[in-house]
Every structure is written in structure tokens, then in C-alpha cells.
Amino acid sequence: MDFFDFHHHKKNIRYGIYNLDIEKTPPDFYFSAGIHPQNIQPENIDSQFNWLQSVINENCFAIGECGLDSIVSVDMKIQKDVFLRQIQLANELKKPLIIHCVRKFYEVISFRKKSEQAMIIHGFNKKQSIADDLLKNNFYLSFGKAVLYHLSLQDTLKTVPLDKLFLETDNDDFNIEELYQKVSEIKEISIERLQQQIVENLETIKNG
């Protein structure tokens, strides 16, 4: 049984979306490419976008990680400009966006109206109220390893509609089958039904 890994950093996983590091060469399977807030070089932004546009091919499933991060040293105005440019690129190419967000959820929500494509918050592990506001604004939420042990996050997951849900390993070293098993228990559905729903969600975001 194959379990789709929505966001990962491991080249040995082919059934999923591989996060391509900046300035690297894309693999021959699904990947995402973007300019992560921590990788923005203010003096070099145009060449970073040139790289991004150069790697986008039929295997590029999504633009990202991109977004806003309150911890990195890059000026927030520059982060917002780079985020908006990636949203515009995603609109042009009709590709979904994989969003990285640290303590800037309401700013990210304010960008939602600028995007014509699906926006997925990866590695979601925040409180119920933030999940509610993201879902109200038509975001998808992708959950990772924290669901296996974080009880309040499990409670939040119960309220997330199946058609707004993805699962991922990100940088964590564990078998994603454990996550599918846990989420199927939390949502009280079969693991096969969960798998099927994830594939349907992928088709939905792929087709705009």
C-alpha cells in the first residue's frame, strides 16, 4: 500500500512531493520549488527567481516552500514582496503553493485573496483558532509527525474536513504509514478511505 507524502526532503521517497533546495537540480518525480524566507538574498532576488523559473517543468507539482517567517533575519517587507511574486508566478503557471509560516498566520491569510490557486500550510501544528481561521479562508492543512503525540493537535485534526487535509514527513525521520494509521483512527475512517481522500485532494489542487 502506497502512502503519499505531501512534503518531504528525502530523495529516496518517490511517492510524494520532494522539496527542492534552492539552486539544486530537480529530480525526475514530483517536487516543489520555491524561495523559502530563510533563503532570500535581498541583493540577489532576481537571479533566485531566474533559477526558480528555470527548474519548473512537468514534474513541478507546486511552488514552495514560500511564505513568511518572523524568526529569520530577512526584512519582513522583502519577505512579503518575494511571497507575492511567488503567488503571482503560481497564478501564471496554475500551480498550488506550499506555504511555510512562522508566527505570521494572519499576514499569510491576508495574501489569500491574491492567489487564484490552492494554498497549503505545511507542517501545521498550531492551535484550533488558527486552524479555524485558515480553513475559513480556504487553506488546506498538511500535518506531520506532531500528530502522533500532540494531543491538542489531534483534537484540532478532528475538526479539519477530510477534503482540506494532507499528510507529510517533512524533515522528520519516521514512516509516513504511522501517520496515516494515526489519522485514520482520529478521523474514525479506514486507512484506505483516508488514502483515497488524499489522492482526491491532490487532484483538486492540481486542477486549480
C-alpha atoms as a PDB file:
ATOM      1  CA  MET A   1       0.000   0.000   0.000  1.00  0.00           C
ATOM      2  CA  ASP A   2       1.455   3.369  -1.029  1.00  0.00           C
ATOM      3  CA  PHE A   3       1.104   6.421   1.204  1.00  0.00           C
ATOM      4  CA  PHE A   4       1.503   9.807  -0.465  1.00  0.00           C
ATOM      5  CA  ASP A   5       3.951  12.088   1.383  1.00  0.00           C
ATOM      6  CA  PHE A   6       2.791  15.618   0.645  1.00  0.00           C
ATOM      7  CA  HIS A   7       6.015  17.381   1.663  1.00  0.00           C
ATOM      8  CA  HIS A   8       9.376  15.746   2.247  1.00  0.00           C
ATOM      9  CA  HIS A   9      13.123  16.293   1.868  1.00  0.00           C
ATOM     10  CA  LYS A  10      14.206  12.741   1.025  1.00  0.00           C
ATOM     11  CA  LYS A  11      15.268  11.765  -2.479  1.00  0.00           C
ATOM     12  CA  ASN A  12      14.539   8.075  -1.816  1.00  0.00           C
ATOM     13  CA  ILE A  13      10.779   8.783  -1.488  1.00  0.00           C
ATOM     14  CA  ARG A  14       9.213   8.909  -4.929  1.00  0.00           C
ATOM     15  CA  TYR A  15       5.524   8.806  -3.959  1.00  0.00           C
ATOM     16  CA  GLY A  16       5.155  12.316  -2.679  1.00  0.00           C
ATOM     17  CA  ILE A  17       6.326  15.883  -3.282  1.00  0.00           C
ATOM     18  CA  TYR A  18      10.057  16.380  -2.806  1.00  0.00           C
ATOM     19  CA  ASN A  19      11.123  19.810  -1.550  1.00  0.00           C
ATOM     20  CA  LEU A  20      13.834  21.015  -3.922  1.00  0.00           C
ATOM     21  CA  ASP A  21      16.513  23.062  -2.189  1.00  0.00           C
ATOM     22  CA  ILE A  22      17.347  26.385  -3.795  1.00  0.00           C
ATOM     23  CA  GLU A  23      19.886  26.294  -6.633  1.00  0.00           C
ATOM     24  CA  LYS A  24      19.626  22.482  -6.886  1.00  0.00           C
ATOM     25  CA  THR A  25      18.696  20.354  -9.896  1.00  0.00           C
ATOM     26  CA  PRO A  26      15.179  18.881  -9.905  1.00  0.00           C
ATOM     27  CA  PRO A  27      14.535  15.116  -9.671  1.00  0.00           C
ATOM     28  CA  ASP A  28      12.539  13.074 -12.189  1.00  0.00           C
ATOM     29  CA  PHE A  29       9.487  12.778  -9.928  1.00  0.00           C
ATOM     30  CA  TYR A  30       7.082  15.198  -8.236  1.00  0.00           C
ATOM     31  CA  PHE A  31       8.779  18.108  -6.498  1.00  0.00           C
ATOM     32  CA  SER A  32       8.085  21.619  -5.301  1.00  0.00           C
ATOM     33  CA  ALA A  33      10.388  24.577  -5.851  1.00  0.00           C
ATOM     34  CA  GLY A  34      10.308  27.952  -4.206  1.00  0.00           C
ATOM     35  CA  ILE A  35      12.239  30.638  -2.370  1.00  0.00           C
ATOM     36  CA  HIS A  36      11.976  29.920   1.368  1.00  0.00           C
ATOM     37  CA  PRO A  37      12.001  33.034   3.579  1.00  0.00           C
ATOM     38  CA  GLN A  38      15.287  31.967   5.189  1.00  0.00           C
ATOM     39  CA  ASN A  39      16.946  31.641   1.772  1.00  0.00           C
ATOM     40  CA  ILE A  40      16.027  35.071   0.432  1.00  0.00           C
ATOM     41  CA  GLN A  41      19.116  37.034  -0.610  1.00  0.00           C
ATOM     42  CA  PRO A  42      17.905  40.643  -0.892  1.00  0.00           C
ATOM     43  CA  GLU A  43      20.752  41.610  -3.237  1.00  0.00           C
ATOM     44  CA  ASN A  44      20.190  38.547  -5.416  1.00  0.00           C
ATOM     45  CA  ILE A  45      16.413  38.144  -5.684  1.00  0.00           C
ATOM     46  CA  ASP A  46      16.152  38.384  -9.472  1.00  0.00           C
ATOM     47  CA  SER A  47      18.678  35.612 -10.007  1.00  0.00           C
ATOM     48  CA  GLN A  48      16.870  33.474  -7.418  1.00  0.00           C
ATOM     49  CA  PHE A  49      13.666  33.912  -9.428  1.00  0.00           C
ATOM     50  CA  ASN A  50      15.565  33.087 -12.617  1.00  0.00           C
ATOM     51  CA  TRP A  51      16.637  29.801 -11.001  1.00  0.00           C
ATOM     52  CA  LEU A  52      13.067  29.115  -9.852  1.00  0.00           C
ATOM     53  CA  GLN A  53      11.612  29.649 -13.312  1.00  0.00           C
ATOM     54  CA  SER A  54      14.365  27.550 -14.889  1.00  0.00           C
ATOM     55  CA  VAL A  55      13.553  24.415 -12.854  1.00  0.00           C
ATOM     56  CA  ILE A  56       9.788  24.434 -13.326  1.00  0.00           C
ATOM     57  CA  ASN A  57       8.801  21.515 -15.557  1.00  0.00           C
ATOM     58  CA  GLU A  58       6.037  18.894 -15.796  1.00  0.00           C
ATOM     59  CA  ASN A  59       7.240  17.256 -12.538  1.00  0.00           C
ATOM     60  CA  CYS A  60       6.995  20.523 -10.587  1.00  0.00           C
ATOM     61  CA  PHE A  61       3.768  19.968  -8.670  1.00  0.00           C
ATOM     62  CA  ALA A  62       3.797  23.162  -6.589  1.00  0.00           C
ATOM     63  CA  ILE A  63       5.556  26.435  -5.842  1.00  0.00           C
ATOM     64  CA  GLY A  64       7.115  26.387  -2.380  1.00  0.00           C
ATOM     65  CA  GLU A  65       8.139  26.360   0.288  1.00  0.00           C
ATOM     66  CA  CYS A  66       7.369  30.044   0.297  1.00  0.00           C
ATOM     67  CA  GLY A  67       5.733  32.319   2.852  1.00  0.00           C
ATOM     68  CA  LEU A  68       6.556  34.440   5.884  1.00  0.00           C
ATOM     69  CA  ASP A  69       8.745  33.775   8.913  1.00  0.00           C
ATOM     70  CA  SER A  70       9.037  36.119  11.901  1.00  0.00           C
ATOM     71  CA  ILE A  71      12.230  34.455  13.145  1.00  0.00           C
ATOM     72  CA  VAL A  72      14.546  34.765  10.139  1.00  0.00           C
ATOM     73  CA  SER A  73      16.636  37.914   9.731  1.00  0.00           C
ATOM     74  CA  VAL A  74      15.276  38.932   6.300  1.00  0.00           C
ATOM     75  CA  ASP A  75      13.264  42.167   6.470  1.00  0.00           C
ATOM     76  CA  MET A  76       9.506  41.454   6.525  1.00  0.00           C
ATOM     77  CA  LYS A  77       8.762  43.857   3.670  1.00  0.00           C
ATOM     78  CA  ILE A  78      11.212  41.953   1.471  1.00  0.00           C
ATOM     79  CA  GLN A  79       9.693  38.627   2.582  1.00  0.00           C
ATOM     80  CA  LYS A  80       6.237  39.896   1.602  1.00  0.00           C
ATOM     81  CA  ASP A  81       7.459  41.104  -1.790  1.00  0.00           C
ATOM     82  CA  VAL A  82       9.091  37.738  -2.534  1.00  0.00           C
ATOM     83  CA  PHE A  83       6.000  35.859  -1.322  1.00  0.00           C
ATOM     84  CA  LEU A  84       3.729  37.952  -3.551  1.00  0.00           C
ATOM     85  CA  ARG A  85       5.948  37.356  -6.591  1.00  0.00           C
ATOM     86  CA  GLN A  86       5.718  33.618  -5.992  1.00  0.00           C
ATOM     87  CA  ILE A  87       1.930  33.833  -5.669  1.00  0.00           C
ATOM     88  CA  GLN A  88       1.831  35.676  -8.985  1.00  0.00           C
ATOM     89  CA  LEU A  89       4.079  33.038 -10.568  1.00  0.00           C
ATOM     90  CA  ALA A  90       1.810  30.277  -9.251  1.00  0.00           C
ATOM     91  CA  ASN A  91      -1.214  32.075 -10.720  1.00  0.00           C
ATOM     92  CA  GLU A  92       0.516  32.322 -14.080  1.00  0.00           C
ATOM     93  CA  LEU A  93       1.589  28.659 -14.086  1.00  0.00           C
ATOM     94  CA  LYS A  94      -1.589  27.360 -12.425  1.00  0.00           C
ATOM     95  CA  LYS A  95       0.285  25.568  -9.642  1.00  0.00           C
ATOM     96  CA  PRO A  96      -0.641  25.292  -5.949  1.00  0.00           C
ATOM     97  CA  LEU A  97       1.501  26.897  -3.246  1.00  0.00           C
ATOM     98  CA  ILE A  98       3.134  25.112  -0.310  1.00  0.00           C
ATOM     99  CA  ILE A  99       3.307  27.654   2.492  1.00  0.00           C
ATOM    100  CA  HIS A 100       5.902  27.977   5.247  1.00  0.00           C
ATOM    101  CA  CYS A 101       4.637  30.177   8.071  1.00  0.00           C
ATOM    102  CA  VAL A 102       6.140  31.043  11.447  1.00  0.00           C
ATOM    103  CA  ARG A 103       4.109  33.405  13.658  1.00  0.00           C
ATOM    104  CA  LYS A 104       2.688  35.274  10.675  1.00  0.00           C
ATOM    105  CA  PHE A 105      -0.549  33.404  10.012  1.00  0.00           C
ATOM    106  CA  TYR A 106      -2.796  36.442   9.797  1.00  0.00           C
ATOM    107  CA  GLU A 107      -0.413  38.144   7.388  1.00  0.00           C
ATOM    108  CA  VAL A 108      -0.393  34.973   5.261  1.00  0.00           C
ATOM    109  CA  ILE A 109      -4.207  34.914   5.355  1.00  0.00           C
ATOM    110  CA  SER A 110      -4.205  38.484   4.026  1.00  0.00           C
ATOM    111  CA  PHE A 111      -2.412  37.226   0.900  1.00  0.00           C
ATOM    112  CA  ARG A 112      -5.059  34.562   0.222  1.00  0.00           C
ATOM    113  CA  LYS A 113      -7.183  36.847  -1.917  1.00  0.00           C
ATOM    114  CA  LYS A 114      -4.223  37.447  -4.243  1.00  0.00           C
ATOM    115  CA  SER A 115      -3.935  33.753  -5.086  1.00  0.00           C
ATOM    116  CA  GLU A 116      -6.038  32.024  -7.732  1.00  0.00           C
ATOM    117  CA  GLN A 117      -4.532  28.660  -6.771  1.00  0.00           C
ATOM    118  CA  ALA A 118      -4.756  26.369  -3.748  1.00  0.00           C
ATOM    119  CA  MET A 119      -2.608  27.321  -0.745  1.00  0.00           C
ATOM    120  CA  ILE A 120      -1.469  24.587   1.636  1.00  0.00           C
ATOM    121  CA  ILE A 121       0.062  25.320   5.049  1.00  0.00           C
ATOM    122  CA  HIS A 122       2.678  22.625   5.509  1.00  0.00           C
ATOM    123  CA  GLY A 123       3.641  21.179   8.900  1.00  0.00           C
ATOM    124  CA  PHE A 124       0.606  22.625  10.643  1.00  0.00           C
ATOM    125  CA  ASN A 125       0.878  22.276  14.441  1.00  0.00           C
ATOM    126  CA  LYS A 126      -0.856  25.357  15.833  1.00  0.00           C
ATOM    127  CA  LYS A 127      -3.960  25.906  17.940  1.00  0.00           C
ATOM    128  CA  GLN A 128      -7.573  25.365  16.978  1.00  0.00           C
ATOM    129  CA  SER A 129      -8.382  29.059  16.431  1.00  0.00           C
ATOM    130  CA  ILE A 130      -5.641  29.425  13.819  1.00  0.00           C
ATOM    131  CA  ALA A 131      -6.803  26.256  12.059  1.00  0.00           C
ATOM    132  CA  ASP A 132     -10.374  27.603  12.046  1.00  0.00           C
ATOM    133  CA  ASP A 133      -9.321  30.923  10.518  1.00  0.00           C
ATOM    134  CA  LEU A 134      -7.179  29.230   7.860  1.00  0.00           C
ATOM    135  CA  LEU A 135      -9.990  26.846   6.921  1.00  0.00           C
ATOM    136  CA  LYS A 136     -12.476  29.738   6.750  1.00  0.00           C
ATOM    137  CA  ASN A 137     -10.165  31.311   4.192  1.00  0.00           C
ATOM    138  CA  ASN A 138      -9.991  28.138   2.100  1.00  0.00           C
ATOM    139  CA  PHE A 139      -6.492  26.971   3.029  1.00  0.00           C
ATOM    140  CA  TYR A 140      -5.534  23.305   3.109  1.00  0.00           C
ATOM    141  CA  LEU A 141      -3.606  21.995   6.132  1.00  0.00           C
ATOM    142  CA  SER A 142      -0.820  19.423   5.924  1.00  0.00           C
ATOM    143  CA  PHE A 143       0.024  17.615   9.166  1.00  0.00           C
ATOM    144  CA  GLY A 144       3.240  15.854  10.137  1.00  0.00           C
ATOM    145  CA  LYS A 145       4.856  13.893  12.938  1.00  0.00           C
ATOM    146  CA  ALA A 146       3.483  16.090  15.758  1.00  0.00           C
ATOM    147  CA  VAL A 147       0.064  14.443  15.283  1.00  0.00           C
ATOM    148  CA  LEU A 148       1.497  11.184  16.638  1.00  0.00           C
ATOM    149  CA  TYR A 149       1.971  12.617  20.147  1.00  0.00           C
ATOM    150  CA  HIS A 150       0.439  16.116  20.385  1.00  0.00           C
ATOM    151  CA  LEU A 151      -2.994  15.647  22.000  1.00  0.00           C
ATOM    152  CA  SER A 152      -4.408  19.121  21.374  1.00  0.00           C
ATOM    153  CA  LEU A 153      -3.289  18.892  17.737  1.00  0.00           C
ATOM    154  CA  GLN A 154      -5.149  15.575  17.500  1.00  0.00           C
ATOM    155  CA  ASP A 155      -8.249  17.375  18.743  1.00  0.00           C
ATOM    156  CA  THR A 156      -7.751  20.079  16.107  1.00  0.00           C
ATOM    157  CA  LEU A 157      -7.318  17.440  13.411  1.00  0.00           C
ATOM    158  CA  LYS A 158     -10.734  16.009  14.306  1.00  0.00           C
ATOM    159  CA  THR A 159     -12.308  19.278  13.137  1.00  0.00           C
ATOM    160  CA  VAL A 160     -10.413  19.548   9.835  1.00  0.00           C
ATOM    161  CA  PRO A 161     -12.568  18.452   6.876  1.00  0.00           C
ATOM    162  CA  LEU A 162     -11.154  15.459   5.031  1.00  0.00           C
ATOM    163  CA  ASP A 163     -11.180  17.407   1.785  1.00  0.00           C
ATOM    164  CA  LYS A 164      -8.786  20.022   3.262  1.00  0.00           C
ATOM    165  CA  LEU A 165      -6.200  17.583   4.601  1.00  0.00           C
ATOM    166  CA  PHE A 166      -2.713  16.366   3.629  1.00  0.00           C
ATOM    167  CA  LEU A 167      -0.058  14.339   5.481  1.00  0.00           C
ATOM    168  CA  GLU A 168       3.729  14.725   5.334  1.00  0.00           C
ATOM    169  CA  THR A 169       7.029  13.662   6.883  1.00  0.00           C
ATOM    170  CA  ASP A 170       8.859  16.972   6.210  1.00  0.00           C
ATOM    171  CA  ASN A 171      12.398  16.620   7.677  1.00  0.00           C
ATOM    172  CA  ASP A 172      11.405  14.040  10.287  1.00  0.00           C
ATOM    173  CA  ASP A 173      12.702  10.506  10.169  1.00  0.00           C
ATOM    174  CA  PHE A 174       9.692   8.211  10.535  1.00  0.00           C
ATOM    175  CA  ASN A 175       7.469   6.071   8.343  1.00  0.00           C
ATOM    176  CA  ILE A 176       4.508   8.014   6.978  1.00  0.00           C
ATOM    177  CA  GLU A 177       2.377   4.869   7.254  1.00  0.00           C
ATOM    178  CA  GLU A 178       2.341   5.504  11.041  1.00  0.00           C
ATOM    179  CA  LEU A 179       0.841   8.915  10.393  1.00  0.00           C
ATOM    180  CA  TYR A 180      -1.846   7.564   8.061  1.00  0.00           C
ATOM    181  CA  GLN A 181      -2.697   4.926  10.670  1.00  0.00           C
ATOM    182  CA  LYS A 182      -2.987   7.507  13.463  1.00  0.00           C
ATOM    183  CA  VAL A 183      -5.055   9.930  11.390  1.00  0.00           C
ATOM    184  CA  SER A 184      -7.417   7.172  10.248  1.00  0.00           C
ATOM    185  CA  GLU A 185      -8.003   6.354  13.945  1.00  0.00           C
ATOM    186  CA  ILE A 186      -8.538  10.023  14.872  1.00  0.00           C
ATOM    187  CA  LYS A 187     -10.932  10.582  11.946  1.00  0.00           C
ATOM    188  CA  GLU A 188     -12.610   7.189  12.531  1.00  0.00           C
ATOM    189  CA  ILE A 189     -12.292   6.084   8.920  1.00  0.00           C
ATOM    190  CA  SER A 190     -10.415   3.256   7.232  1.00  0.00           C
ATOM    191  CA  ILE A 191      -6.845   3.854   6.147  1.00  0.00           C
ATOM    192  CA  GLU A 192      -7.939   3.043   2.579  1.00  0.00           C
ATOM    193  CA  ARG A 193     -10.615   5.750   2.713  1.00  0.00           C
ATOM    194  CA  LEU A 194      -8.022   8.227   4.001  1.00  0.00           C
ATOM    195  CA  GLN A 195      -5.622   7.306   1.199  1.00  0.00           C
ATOM    196  CA  GLN A 196      -8.333   7.730  -1.385  1.00  0.00           C
ATOM    197  CA  GLN A 197      -9.286  11.146   0.007  1.00  0.00           C
ATOM    198  CA  ILE A 198      -5.672  12.387  -0.088  1.00  0.00           C
ATOM    199  CA  VAL A 199      -5.420  11.383  -3.760  1.00  0.00           C
ATOM    200  CA  GLU A 200      -8.707  13.192  -4.481  1.00  0.00           C
ATOM    201  CA  ASN A 201      -7.380  16.292  -2.705  1.00  0.00           C
ATOM    202  CA  LEU A 202      -4.227  16.157  -4.819  1.00  0.00           C
ATOM    203  CA  GLU A 203      -6.313  16.060  -7.985  1.00  0.00           C
ATOM    204  CA  THR A 204      -8.367  19.010  -6.753  1.00  0.00           C
ATOM    205  CA  ILE A 205      -5.390  21.261  -6.053  1.00  0.00           C
ATOM    206  CA  LYS A 206      -3.593  20.157  -9.209  1.00  0.00           C
ATOM    207  CA  ASN A 207      -6.540  21.150 -11.364  1.00  0.00           C
ATOM    208  CA  GLY A 208      -6.981  24.506  -9.682  1.00  0.00           C
END
